[in-house]
PDB file of N, CA and C in Angstrom:
ATOM      1  N   MET A   1      -1.928 -18.813  13.648  1.00  0.00           N
ATOM      2  CA  MET A   1      -0.589 -18.260  13.557  1.00  0.00           C
ATOM      3  C   MET A   1       0.058 -18.628  12.223  1.00  0.00           C
ATOM      4  N   LYS A   2      -0.336 -19.758  11.669  1.00  0.00           N
ATOM      5  CA  LYS A   2       0.231 -20.160  10.381  1.00  0.00           C
ATOM      6  C   LYS A   2      -0.072 -19.129   9.298  1.00  0.00           C
ATOM      7  N   ARG A   3      -1.285 -18.613   9.321  1.00  0.00           N
ATOM      8  CA  ARG A   3      -1.658 -17.596   8.334  1.00  0.00           C
ATOM      9  C   ARG A   3      -0.866 -16.310   8.532  1.00  0.00           C
ATOM     10  N   SER A   4      -0.604 -15.976   9.773  1.00  0.00           N
ATOM     11  CA  SER A   4       0.162 -14.755  10.050  1.00  0.00           C
ATOM     12  C   SER A   4       1.603 -14.916   9.601  1.00  0.00           C
ATOM     13  N   ILE A   5       2.172 -16.095   9.778  1.00  0.00           N
ATOM     14  CA  ILE A   5       3.542 -16.344   9.309  1.00  0.00           C
ATOM     15  C   ILE A   5       3.590 -16.249   7.793  1.00  0.00           C
ATOM     16  N   LEU A   6       2.622 -16.861   7.138  1.00  0.00           N
ATOM     17  CA  LEU A   6       2.556 -16.789   5.680  1.00  0.00           C
ATOM     18  C   LEU A   6       2.364 -15.346   5.223  1.00  0.00           C
ATOM     19  N   ALA A   7       1.501 -14.607   5.895  1.00  0.00           N
ATOM     20  CA  ALA A   7       1.269 -13.209   5.538  1.00  0.00           C
ATOM     21  C   ALA A   7       2.534 -12.377   5.722  1.00  0.00           C
ATOM     22  N   ALA A   8       3.310 -12.644   6.759  1.00  0.00           N
ATOM     23  CA  ALA A   8       4.557 -11.914   6.985  1.00  0.00           C
ATOM     24  C   ALA A   8       5.553 -12.184   5.859  1.00  0.00           C
ATOM     25  N   VAL A   9       5.661 -13.434   5.455  1.00  0.00           N
ATOM     26  CA  VAL A   9       6.576 -13.788   4.363  1.00  0.00           C
ATOM     27  C   VAL A   9       6.122 -13.145   3.058  1.00  0.00           C
ATOM     28  N   VAL A  10       4.827 -13.211   2.789  1.00  0.00           N
ATOM     29  CA  VAL A  10       4.294 -12.608   1.561  1.00  0.00           C
ATOM     30  C   VAL A  10       4.472 -11.091   1.582  1.00  0.00           C
ATOM     31  N   ALA A  11       4.212 -10.456   2.721  1.00  0.00           N
ATOM     32  CA  ALA A  11       4.368  -9.003   2.823  1.00  0.00           C
ATOM     33  C   ALA A  11       5.822  -8.592   2.617  1.00  0.00           C
ATOM     34  N   PHE A  12       6.746  -9.347   3.178  1.00  0.00           N
ATOM     35  CA  PHE A  12       8.169  -9.045   3.004  1.00  0.00           C
ATOM     36  C   PHE A  12       8.551  -9.148   1.531  1.00  0.00           C
ATOM     37  N   ALA A  13       8.117 -10.232   0.886  1.00  0.00           N
ATOM     38  CA  ALA A  13       8.428 -10.416  -0.531  1.00  0.00           C
ATOM     39  C   ALA A  13       7.745  -9.352  -1.384  1.00  0.00           C
ATOM     40  N   LEU A  14       6.508  -9.046  -1.063  1.00  0.00           N
ATOM     41  CA  LEU A  14       5.776  -8.035  -1.819  1.00  0.00           C
ATOM     42  C   LEU A  14       6.417  -6.662  -1.675  1.00  0.00           C
ATOM     43  N   ALA A  15       6.912  -6.360  -0.484  1.00  0.00           N
ATOM     44  CA  ALA A  15       7.589  -5.074  -0.273  1.00  0.00           C
ATOM     45  C   ALA A  15       8.803  -4.962  -1.181  1.00  0.00           C
ATOM     46  N   LEU A  16       9.524  -6.047  -1.330  1.00  0.00           N
ATOM     47  CA  LEU A  16      10.714  -6.045  -2.174  1.00  0.00           C
ATOM     48  C   LEU A  16      10.336  -6.067  -3.654  1.00  0.00           C
ATOM     49  N   LEU A  17       9.414  -6.945  -4.016  1.00  0.00           N
ATOM     50  CA  LEU A  17       9.064  -7.108  -5.423  1.00  0.00           C
ATOM     51  C   LEU A  17       8.230  -5.961  -5.980  1.00  0.00           C
ATOM     52  N   SER A  18       7.506  -5.276  -5.123  1.00  0.00           N
ATOM     53  CA  SER A  18       6.708  -4.143  -5.603  1.00  0.00           C
ATOM     54  C   SER A  18       7.560  -2.892  -5.773  1.00  0.00           C
ATOM     55  N   MET A  19       8.828  -3.003  -5.456  1.00  0.00           N
ATOM     56  CA  MET A  19       9.791  -1.915  -5.603  1.00  0.00           C
ATOM     57  C   MET A  19       9.357  -0.658  -4.849  1.00  0.00           C
ATOM     58  N   GLY A  20       8.782  -0.853  -3.673  1.00  0.00           N
ATOM     59  CA  GLY A  20       8.436   0.266  -2.813  1.00  0.00           C
ATOM     60  C   GLY A  20       6.969   0.640  -2.813  1.00  0.00           C
ATOM     61  N   LEU A  21       6.172   0.039  -3.671  1.00  0.00           N
ATOM     62  CA  LEU A  21       4.752   0.387  -3.724  1.00  0.00           C
ATOM     63  C   LEU A  21       4.068   0.103  -2.388  1.00  0.00           C
ATOM     64  N   LEU A  22       4.385  -1.029  -1.776  1.00  0.00           N
ATOM     65  CA  LEU A  22       3.786  -1.358  -0.485  1.00  0.00           C
ATOM     66  C   LEU A  22       4.146  -0.315   0.570  1.00  0.00           C
ATOM     67  N   GLY A  23       5.393   0.095   0.611  1.00  0.00           N
ATOM     68  CA  GLY A  23       5.809   1.128   1.561  1.00  0.00           C
ATOM     69  C   GLY A  23       5.088   2.441   1.333  1.00  0.00           C
ATOM     70  N   GLY A  24       4.867   2.791   0.064  1.00  0.00           N
ATOM     71  CA  GLY A  24       4.139   4.014  -0.246  1.00  0.00           C
ATOM     72  C   GLY A  24       2.690   3.941   0.207  1.00  0.00           C
ATOM     73  N   VAL A  25       2.065   2.791  -0.016  1.00  0.00           N
ATOM     74  CA  VAL A  25       0.682   2.609   0.435  1.00  0.00           C
ATOM     75  C   VAL A  25       0.619   2.693   1.953  1.00  0.00           C
ATOM     76  N   LEU A  26       1.591   2.099   2.626  1.00  0.00           N
ATOM     77  CA  LEU A  26       1.623   2.148   4.089  1.00  0.00           C
ATOM     78  C   LEU A  26       1.817   3.576   4.587  1.00  0.00           C
ATOM     79  N   TYR A  27       2.621   4.364   3.866  1.00  0.00           N
ATOM     80  CA  TYR A  27       2.812   5.754   4.289  1.00  0.00           C
ATOM     81  C   TYR A  27       1.484   6.495   4.255  1.00  0.00           C
ATOM     82  N   TYR A  28       0.715   6.276   3.204  1.00  0.00           N
ATOM     83  CA  TYR A  28      -0.570   6.970   3.127  1.00  0.00           C
ATOM     84  C   TYR A  28      -1.560   6.435   4.148  1.00  0.00           C
ATOM     85  N   ALA A  29      -1.384   5.202   4.599  1.00  0.00           N
ATOM     86  CA  ALA A  29      -2.245   4.675   5.662  1.00  0.00           C
ATOM     87  C   ALA A  29      -1.975   5.380   6.991  1.00  0.00           C
ATOM     88  N   VAL A  30      -0.730   5.769   7.217  1.00  0.00           N
ATOM     89  CA  VAL A  30      -0.363   6.454   8.462  1.00  0.00           C
ATOM     90  C   VAL A  30      -0.088   7.942   8.224  1.00  0.00           C
ATOM     91  N   TYR A  31      -0.520   8.437   7.087  1.00  0.00           N
ATOM     92  CA  TYR A  31      -0.296   9.827   6.696  1.00  0.00           C
ATOM     93  C   TYR A  31      -0.703  10.847   7.749  1.00  0.00           C
ATOM     94  N   PRO A  32      -1.848  10.694   8.412  1.00  0.00           N
ATOM     95  CA  PRO A  32      -2.219  11.702   9.411  1.00  0.00           C
ATOM     96  C   PRO A  32      -1.187  11.865  10.530  1.00  0.00           C
ATOM     97  N   VAL A  33      -0.435  10.837  10.812  1.00  0.00           N
ATOM     98  CA  VAL A  33       0.565  10.897  11.880  1.00  0.00           C
ATOM     99  C   VAL A  33       1.827  11.617  11.414  1.00  0.00           C
ATOM    100  N   PHE A  34       2.255  11.350  10.188  1.00  0.00           N
ATOM    101  CA  PHE A  34       3.544  11.843   9.716  1.00  0.00           C
ATOM    102  C   PHE A  34       3.463  13.074   8.824  1.00  0.00           C
ATOM    103  N   ALA A  35       2.292  13.389   8.316  1.00  0.00           N
ATOM    104  CA  ALA A  35       2.149  14.525   7.397  1.00  0.00           C
ATOM    105  C   ALA A  35       2.613  15.856   7.996  1.00  0.00           C
ATOM    106  N   PRO A  36       2.317  16.153   9.261  1.00  0.00           N
ATOM    107  CA  PRO A  36       2.775  17.449   9.781  1.00  0.00           C
ATOM    108  C   PRO A  36       4.286  17.623   9.750  1.00  0.00           C
ATOM    109  N   SER A  37       5.028  16.559   9.918  1.00  0.00           N
ATOM    110  CA  SER A  37       6.486  16.662   9.938  1.00  0.00           C
ATOM    111  C   SER A  37       7.141  16.371   8.595  1.00  0.00           C
ATOM    112  N   PHE A  38       6.569  15.448   7.827  1.00  0.00           N
ATOM    113  CA  PHE A  38       7.241  14.985   6.619  1.00  0.00           C
ATOM    114  C   PHE A  38       6.484  15.274   5.331  1.00  0.00           C
ATOM    115  N   GLY A  39       5.265  15.749   5.429  1.00  0.00           N
ATOM    116  CA  GLY A  39       4.511  16.139   4.250  1.00  0.00           C
ATOM    117  C   GLY A  39       4.115  14.981   3.358  1.00  0.00           C
ATOM    118  N   ASN A  40       3.829  15.332   2.120  1.00  0.00           N
ATOM    119  CA  ASN A  40       3.371  14.380   1.126  1.00  0.00           C
ATOM    120  C   ASN A  40       4.545  13.587   0.562  1.00  0.00           C
ATOM    121  N   LEU A  41       4.354  12.330   0.386  1.00  0.00           N
ATOM    122  CA  LEU A  41       5.377  11.446  -0.171  1.00  0.00           C
ATOM    123  C   LEU A  41       5.819  11.912  -1.561  1.00  0.00           C
ATOM    124  N   ASP A  42       4.917  12.489  -2.326  1.00  0.00           N
ATOM    125  CA  ASP A  42       5.246  12.958  -3.671  1.00  0.00           C
ATOM    126  C   ASP A  42       6.204  14.147  -3.666  1.00  0.00           C
ATOM    127  N   ASP A  43       6.326  14.835  -2.550  1.00  0.00           N
ATOM    128  CA  ASP A  43       7.210  16.005  -2.459  1.00  0.00           C
ATOM    129  C   ASP A  43       8.616  15.658  -1.984  1.00  0.00           C
ATOM    130  N   TRP A  44       8.857  14.402  -1.653  1.00  0.00           N
ATOM    131  CA  TRP A  44      10.173  14.012  -1.148  1.00  0.00           C
ATOM    132  C   TRP A  44      11.187  13.991  -2.278  1.00  0.00           C
ATOM    133  N   GLN A  45      12.429  14.356  -1.945  1.00  0.00           N
ATOM    134  CA  GLN A  45      13.511  14.372  -2.916  1.00  0.00           C
ATOM    135  C   GLN A  45      14.757  13.766  -2.307  1.00  0.00           C
ATOM    136  N   GLY A  46      15.644  13.337  -3.152  1.00  0.00           N
ATOM    137  CA  GLY A  46      16.930  12.842  -2.690  1.00  0.00           C
ATOM    138  C   GLY A  46      17.118  11.356  -2.935  1.00  0.00           C
ATOM    139  N   ASP A  47      18.327  10.933  -2.673  1.00  0.00           N
ATOM    140  CA  ASP A  47      18.695   9.541  -2.918  1.00  0.00           C
ATOM    141  C   ASP A  47      18.133   8.575  -1.887  1.00  0.00           C
ATOM    142  N   ASN A  48      17.625   9.084  -0.780  1.00  0.00           N
ATOM    143  CA  ASN A  48      17.137   8.201   0.284  1.00  0.00           C
ATOM    144  C   ASN A  48      15.658   7.851   0.169  1.00  0.00           C
ATOM    145  N   VAL A  49      14.953   8.441  -0.763  1.00  0.00           N
ATOM    146  CA  VAL A  49      13.503   8.240  -0.828  1.00  0.00           C
ATOM    147  C   VAL A  49      13.156   6.799  -1.169  1.00  0.00           C
ATOM    148  N   TRP A  50      13.696   6.290  -2.259  1.00  0.00           N
ATOM    149  CA  TRP A  50      13.332   4.943  -2.669  1.00  0.00           C
ATOM    150  C   TRP A  50      13.764   3.900  -1.637  1.00  0.00           C
ATOM    151  N   PRO A  51      14.993   3.940  -1.098  1.00  0.00           N
ATOM    152  CA  PRO A  51      15.340   2.963  -0.058  1.00  0.00           C
ATOM    153  C   PRO A  51      14.451   3.079   1.184  1.00  0.00           C
ATOM    154  N   ALA A  52      14.030   4.284   1.519  1.00  0.00           N
ATOM    155  CA  ALA A  52      13.155   4.456   2.688  1.00  0.00           C
ATOM    156  C   ALA A  52      11.798   3.803   2.448  1.00  0.00           C
ATOM    157  N   VAL A  53      11.236   4.023   1.291  1.00  0.00           N
ATOM    158  CA  VAL A  53       9.933   3.457   0.968  1.00  0.00           C
ATOM    159  C   VAL A  53      10.029   1.935   0.898  1.00  0.00           C
ATOM    160  N   LEU A  54      11.088   1.436   0.326  1.00  0.00           N
ATOM    161  CA  LEU A  54      11.299  -0.006   0.223  1.00  0.00           C
ATOM    162  C   LEU A  54      11.480  -0.632   1.603  1.00  0.00           C
ATOM    163  N   SER A  55      12.303  -0.035   2.425  1.00  0.00           N
ATOM    164  CA  SER A  55      12.580  -0.624   3.745  1.00  0.00           C
ATOM    165  C   SER A  55      11.392  -0.522   4.691  1.00  0.00           C
ATOM    166  N   ALA A  56      10.586   0.515   4.579  1.00  0.00           N
ATOM    167  CA  ALA A  56       9.408   0.630   5.442  1.00  0.00           C
ATOM    168  C   ALA A  56       8.451  -0.532   5.200  1.00  0.00           C
ATOM    169  N   GLY A  57       8.262  -0.881   3.947  1.00  0.00           N
ATOM    170  CA  GLY A  57       7.409  -2.025   3.636  1.00  0.00           C
ATOM    171  C   GLY A  57       7.971  -3.325   4.174  1.00  0.00           C
ATOM    172  N   MET A  58       9.276  -3.480   4.100  1.00  0.00           N
ATOM    173  CA  MET A  58       9.907  -4.700   4.601  1.00  0.00           C
ATOM    174  C   MET A  58       9.864  -4.745   6.129  1.00  0.00           C
ATOM    175  N   LEU A  59      10.023  -3.608   6.772  1.00  0.00           N
ATOM    176  CA  LEU A  59       9.967  -3.566   8.235  1.00  0.00           C
ATOM    177  C   LEU A  59       8.565  -3.821   8.778  1.00  0.00           C
ATOM    178  N   TRP A  60       7.555  -3.591   7.950  1.00  0.00           N
ATOM    179  CA  TRP A  60       6.169  -3.788   8.361  1.00  0.00           C
ATOM    180  C   TRP A  60       5.800  -5.263   8.446  1.00  0.00           C
ATOM    181  N   ALA A  61       6.442  -6.109   7.681  1.00  0.00           N
ATOM    182  CA  ALA A  61       6.083  -7.528   7.598  1.00  0.00           C
ATOM    183  C   ALA A  61       5.996  -8.237   8.958  1.00  0.00           C
ATOM    184  N   PRO A  62       6.911  -8.029   9.891  1.00  0.00           N
ATOM    185  CA  PRO A  62       6.789  -8.714  11.188  1.00  0.00           C
ATOM    186  C   PRO A  62       5.558  -8.316  11.999  1.00  0.00           C
ATOM    187  N   SER A  63       4.882  -7.257  11.599  1.00  0.00           N
ATOM    188  CA  SER A  63       3.653  -6.874  12.294  1.00  0.00           C
ATOM    189  C   SER A  63       2.610  -7.983  12.231  1.00  0.00           C
ATOM    190  N   PHE A  64       2.636  -8.759  11.173  1.00  0.00           N
ATOM    191  CA  PHE A  64       1.703  -9.877  11.064  1.00  0.00           C
ATOM    192  C   PHE A  64       1.955 -10.904  12.154  1.00  0.00           C
ATOM    193  N   LEU A  65       3.209 -11.112  12.506  1.00  0.00           N
ATOM    194  CA  LEU A  65       3.527 -12.066  13.573  1.00  0.00           C
ATOM    195  C   LEU A  65       3.000 -11.578  14.912  1.00  0.00           C
ATOM    196  N   ALA A  66       3.193 -10.301  15.192  1.00  0.00           N
ATOM    197  CA  ALA A  66       2.682  -9.727  16.439  1.00  0.00           C
ATOM    198  C   ALA A  66       1.161  -9.768  16.469  1.00  0.00           C
ATOM    199  N   ALA A  67       0.529  -9.435  15.351  1.00  0.00           N
ATOM    200  CA  ALA A  67      -0.932  -9.436  15.290  1.00  0.00           C
ATOM    201  C   ALA A  67      -1.478 -10.850  15.474  1.00  0.00           C
ATOM    202  N   GLY A  68      -0.835 -11.830  14.873  1.00  0.00           N
ATOM    203  CA  GLY A  68      -1.267 -13.212  15.034  1.00  0.00           C
ATOM    204  C   GLY A  68      -1.122 -13.693  16.464  1.00  0.00           C
ATOM    205  N   TRP A  69      -0.025 -13.320  17.096  1.00  0.00           N
ATOM    206  CA  TRP A  69       0.202 -13.738  18.479  1.00  0.00           C
ATOM    207  C   TRP A  69      -0.845 -13.125  19.403  1.00  0.00           C
ATOM    208  N   ILE A  70      -1.116 -11.839  19.215  1.00  0.00           N
ATOM    209  CA  ILE A  70      -2.134 -11.164  20.029  1.00  0.00           C
ATOM    210  C   ILE A  70      -3.512 -11.781  19.777  1.00  0.00           C
ATOM    211  N   ALA A  71      -3.822 -12.099  18.525  1.00  0.00           N
ATOM    212  CA  ALA A  71      -5.122 -12.702  18.205  1.00  0.00           C
ATOM    213  C   ALA A  71      -5.293 -14.049  18.900  1.00  0.00           C
ATOM    214  N   ILE A  72      -4.234 -14.824  18.953  1.00  0.00           N
ATOM    215  CA  ILE A  72      -4.299 -16.114  19.650  1.00  0.00           C
ATOM    216  C   ILE A  72      -4.528 -15.897  21.142  1.00  0.00           C
ATOM    217  N   ARG A  73      -3.833 -14.943  21.712  1.00  0.00           N
ATOM    218  CA  ARG A  73      -4.023 -14.631  23.135  1.00  0.00           C
ATOM    219  C   ARG A  73      -5.450 -14.186  23.420  1.00  0.00           C
ATOM    220  N   LEU A  74      -5.987 -13.330  22.586  1.00  0.00           N
ATOM    221  CA  LEU A  74      -7.359 -12.863  22.776  1.00  0.00           C
ATOM    222  C   LEU A  74      -8.361 -14.000  22.642  1.00  0.00           C
ATOM    223  N   GLU A  75      -8.086 -14.906  21.726  1.00  0.00           N
ATOM    224  CA  GLU A  75      -8.983 -16.053  21.555  1.00  0.00           C
ATOM    225  C   GLU A  75      -8.985 -16.929  22.802  1.00  0.00           C
ATOM    226  N   ARG A  76      -7.833 -17.096  23.403  1.00  0.00           N
ATOM    227  CA  ARG A  76      -7.740 -17.897  24.639  1.00  0.00           C
ATOM    228  C   ARG A  76      -8.526 -17.275  25.780  1.00  0.00           C
ATOM    229  N   TYR A  77      -8.644 -15.949  25.755  1.00  0.00           N
ATOM    230  CA  TYR A  77      -9.424 -15.256  26.778  1.00  0.00           C
ATOM    231  C   TYR A  77     -10.909 -15.180  26.432  1.00  0.00           C
ATOM    232  N   GLY A  78     -11.293 -15.791  25.329  1.00  0.00           N
ATOM    233  CA  GLY A  78     -12.703 -15.842  24.965  1.00  0.00           C
ATOM    234  C   GLY A  78     -13.223 -14.612  24.244  1.00  0.00           C
ATOM    235  N   VAL A  79     -12.343 -13.801  23.700  1.00  0.00           N
ATOM    236  CA  VAL A  79     -12.756 -12.617  22.968  1.00  0.00           C
ATOM    237  C   VAL A  79     -13.343 -13.056  21.626  1.00  0.00           C
ATOM    238  N   GLY A  80     -14.427 -12.417  21.217  1.00  0.00           N
ATOM    239  CA  GLY A  80     -15.123 -12.770  19.984  1.00  0.00           C
ATOM    240  C   GLY A  80     -14.309 -12.495  18.729  1.00  0.00           C
ATOM    241  N   ALA A  81     -14.827 -12.978  17.606  1.00  0.00           N
ATOM    242  CA  ALA A  81     -14.105 -12.878  16.333  1.00  0.00           C
ATOM    243  C   ALA A  81     -13.919 -11.431  15.874  1.00  0.00           C
ATOM    244  N   TRP A  82     -14.972 -10.617  15.931  1.00  0.00           N
ATOM    245  CA  TRP A  82     -14.846  -9.242  15.437  1.00  0.00           C
ATOM    246  C   TRP A  82     -13.893  -8.391  16.266  1.00  0.00           C
ATOM    247  N   PRO A  83     -13.938  -8.456  17.575  1.00  0.00           N
ATOM    248  CA  PRO A  83     -12.928  -7.700  18.327  1.00  0.00           C
ATOM    249  C   PRO A  83     -11.495  -8.155  18.030  1.00  0.00           C
ATOM    250  N   ARG A  84     -11.317  -9.443  17.791  1.00  0.00           N
ATOM    251  CA  ARG A  84      -9.978  -9.945  17.435  1.00  0.00           C
ATOM    252  C   ARG A  84      -9.546  -9.404  16.079  1.00  0.00           C
ATOM    253  N   ARG A  85     -10.476  -9.352  15.131  1.00  0.00           N
ATOM    254  CA  ARG A  85     -10.149  -8.813  13.805  1.00  0.00           C
ATOM    255  C   ARG A  85      -9.801  -7.335  13.879  1.00  0.00           C
ATOM    256  N   ILE A  86     -10.537  -6.610  14.681  1.00  0.00           N
ATOM    257  CA  ILE A  86     -10.246  -5.183  14.857  1.00  0.00           C
ATOM    258  C   ILE A  86      -8.873  -4.999  15.502  1.00  0.00           C
ATOM    259  N   ALA A  87      -8.569  -5.816  16.499  1.00  0.00           N
ATOM    260  CA  ALA A  87      -7.254  -5.752  17.139  1.00  0.00           C
ATOM    261  C   ALA A  87      -6.150  -6.101  16.144  1.00  0.00           C
ATOM    262  N   TYR A  88      -6.395  -7.097  15.304  1.00  0.00           N
ATOM    263  CA  TYR A  88      -5.423  -7.506  14.287  1.00  0.00           C
ATOM    264  C   TYR A  88      -5.133  -6.331  13.350  1.00  0.00           C
ATOM    265  N   GLY A  89      -6.188  -5.688  12.868  1.00  0.00           N
ATOM    266  CA  GLY A  89      -6.012  -4.536  11.986  1.00  0.00           C
ATOM    267  C   GLY A  89      -5.319  -3.376  12.667  1.00  0.00           C
ATOM    268  N   ALA A  90      -5.661  -3.131  13.921  1.00  0.00           N
ATOM    269  CA  ALA A  90      -5.025  -2.046  14.667  1.00  0.00           C
ATOM    270  C   ALA A  90      -3.534  -2.304  14.859  1.00  0.00           C
ATOM    271  N   ILE A  91      -3.185  -3.545  15.107  1.00  0.00           N
ATOM    272  CA  ILE A  91      -1.767  -3.884  15.275  1.00  0.00           C
ATOM    273  C   ILE A  91      -1.020  -3.716  13.959  1.00  0.00           C
ATOM    274  N   LEU A  92      -1.658  -4.077  12.848  1.00  0.00           N
ATOM    275  CA  LEU A  92      -1.009  -3.869  11.550  1.00  0.00           C
ATOM    276  C   LEU A  92      -0.828  -2.380  11.262  1.00  0.00           C
ATOM    277  N   TRP A  93      -1.821  -1.558  11.623  1.00  0.00           N
ATOM    278  CA  TRP A  93      -1.677  -0.118  11.426  1.00  0.00           C
ATOM    279  C   TRP A  93      -0.558   0.433  12.311  1.00  0.00           C
ATOM    280  N   LEU A  94      -0.533   0.001  13.557  1.00  0.00           N
ATOM    281  CA  LEU A  94       0.524   0.438  14.470  1.00  0.00           C
ATOM    282  C   LEU A  94       1.886  -0.018  13.961  1.00  0.00           C
ATOM    283  N   GLY A  95       1.944  -1.218  13.417  1.00  0.00           N
ATOM    284  CA  GLY A  95       3.193  -1.712  12.831  1.00  0.00           C
ATOM    285  C   GLY A  95       3.652  -0.842  11.671  1.00  0.00           C
ATOM    286  N   ALA A  96       2.712  -0.386  10.852  1.00  0.00           N
ATOM    287  CA  ALA A  96       3.065   0.510   9.747  1.00  0.00           C
ATOM    288  C   ALA A  96       3.610   1.827  10.289  1.00  0.00           C
ATOM    289  N   ALA A  97       2.970   2.341  11.324  1.00  0.00           N
ATOM    290  CA  ALA A  97       3.438   3.589  11.934  1.00  0.00           C
ATOM    291  C   ALA A  97       4.834   3.411  12.532  1.00  0.00           C
ATOM    292  N   LEU A  98       5.058   2.304  13.197  1.00  0.00           N
ATOM    293  CA  LEU A  98       6.382   2.054  13.779  1.00  0.00           C
ATOM    294  C   LEU A  98       7.442   1.843  12.706  1.00  0.00           C
ATOM    295  N   ALA A  99       7.086   1.137  11.638  1.00  0.00           N
ATOM    296  CA  ALA A  99       8.037   0.918  10.545  1.00  0.00           C
ATOM    297  C   ALA A  99       8.446   2.248   9.918  1.00  0.00           C
ATOM    298  N   TRP A 100       7.469   3.117   9.698  1.00  0.00           N
ATOM    299  CA  TRP A 100       7.788   4.426   9.126  1.00  0.00           C
ATOM    300  C   TRP A 100       8.539   5.308  10.121  1.00  0.00           C
ATOM    301  N   ALA A 101       8.199   5.221  11.398  1.00  0.00           N
ATOM    302  CA  ALA A 101       8.920   6.018  12.402  1.00  0.00           C
ATOM    303  C   ALA A 101      10.394   5.613  12.444  1.00  0.00           C
ATOM    304  N   LEU A 102      10.650   4.329  12.418  1.00  0.00           N
ATOM    305  CA  LEU A 102      12.034   3.850  12.416  1.00  0.00           C
ATOM    306  C   LEU A 102      12.741   4.271  11.136  1.00  0.00           C
ATOM    307  N   THR A 103      12.093   4.084  10.022  1.00  0.00           N
ATOM    308  CA  THR A 103      12.699   4.439   8.745  1.00  0.00           C
ATOM    309  C   THR A 103      13.013   5.927   8.671  1.00  0.00           C
ATOM    310  N   LEU A 104      12.057   6.754   9.054  1.00  0.00           N
ATOM    311  CA  LEU A 104      12.264   8.197   8.963  1.00  0.00           C
ATOM    312  C   LEU A 104      13.273   8.716   9.975  1.00  0.00           C
ATOM    313  N   SER A 105      13.481   7.958  11.054  1.00  0.00           N
ATOM    314  CA  SER A 105      14.496   8.371  12.024  1.00  0.00           C
ATOM    315  C   SER A 105      15.909   8.049  11.537  1.00  0.00           C
ATOM    316  N   LEU A 106      16.012   7.158  10.560  1.00  0.00           N
ATOM    317  CA  LEU A 106      17.327   6.727  10.091  1.00  0.00           C
ATOM    318  C   LEU A 106      17.764   7.350   8.766  1.00  0.00           C
ATOM    319  N   VAL A 107      16.841   7.967   8.041  1.00  0.00           N
ATOM    320  CA  VAL A 107      17.189   8.530   6.730  1.00  0.00           C
ATOM    321  C   VAL A 107      16.915  10.032   6.702  1.00  0.00           C
ATOM    322  N   ASP A 108      17.577  10.679   5.772  1.00  0.00           N
ATOM    323  CA  ASP A 108      17.388  12.116   5.575  1.00  0.00           C
ATOM    324  C   ASP A 108      16.412  12.314   4.423  1.00  0.00           C
ATOM    325  N   ILE A 109      15.200  12.729   4.756  1.00  0.00           N
ATOM    326  CA  ILE A 109      14.174  12.974   3.753  1.00  0.00           C
ATOM    327  C   ILE A 109      14.031  14.481   3.581  1.00  0.00           C
ATOM    328  N   ARG A 110      14.209  14.937   2.359  1.00  0.00           N
ATOM    329  CA  ARG A 110      14.032  16.348   2.050  1.00  0.00           C
ATOM    330  C   ARG A 110      12.783  16.520   1.212  1.00  0.00           C
ATOM    331  N   THR A 111      12.095  17.607   1.424  1.00  0.00           N
ATOM    332  CA  THR A 111      10.905  17.880   0.625  1.00  0.00           C
ATOM    333  C   THR A 111      11.201  18.969  -0.381  1.00  0.00           C
ATOM    334  N   ALA A 112      10.332  19.076  -1.369  1.00  0.00           N
ATOM    335  CA  ALA A 112      10.516  20.075  -2.428  1.00  0.00           C
ATOM    336  C   ALA A 112      10.424  21.498  -1.878  1.00  0.00           C
ATOM    337  N   THR A 113       9.717  21.649  -0.761  1.00  0.00           N
ATOM    338  CA  THR A 113       9.538  22.989  -0.203  1.00  0.00           C
ATOM    339  C   THR A 113      10.609  23.358   0.814  1.00  0.00           C
ATOM    340  N   GLY A 114      11.439  22.419   1.187  1.00  0.00           N
ATOM    341  CA  GLY A 114      12.453  22.797   2.144  1.00  0.00           C
ATOM    342  C   GLY A 114      12.991  21.682   2.835  1.00  0.00           C
TER     343      GLY A 114
END
């Protein structure tokens, strides 16, 4: 859990210091889910784009805490290392999807096509 706490702090700082790069990378990680409704990140316009990308990365950071907690629980049940790693990665992906879902529900994103 110590590593997950450290990863959450680093991810939060990186989201802020990368000036939205982390949020953009996360959007492309969950692109298949959001592309039908929101399209390509490069087509977005307006004053809300940069704050949305920045906040999505920051909202993703607590996913490390959830993933660490689940990994500890799985270890207590005797689950092997690889299934725990896969679960950890899946939780981080789900966290990215949830962070973007929350962000996109709160901001007005316009695309170049409409």
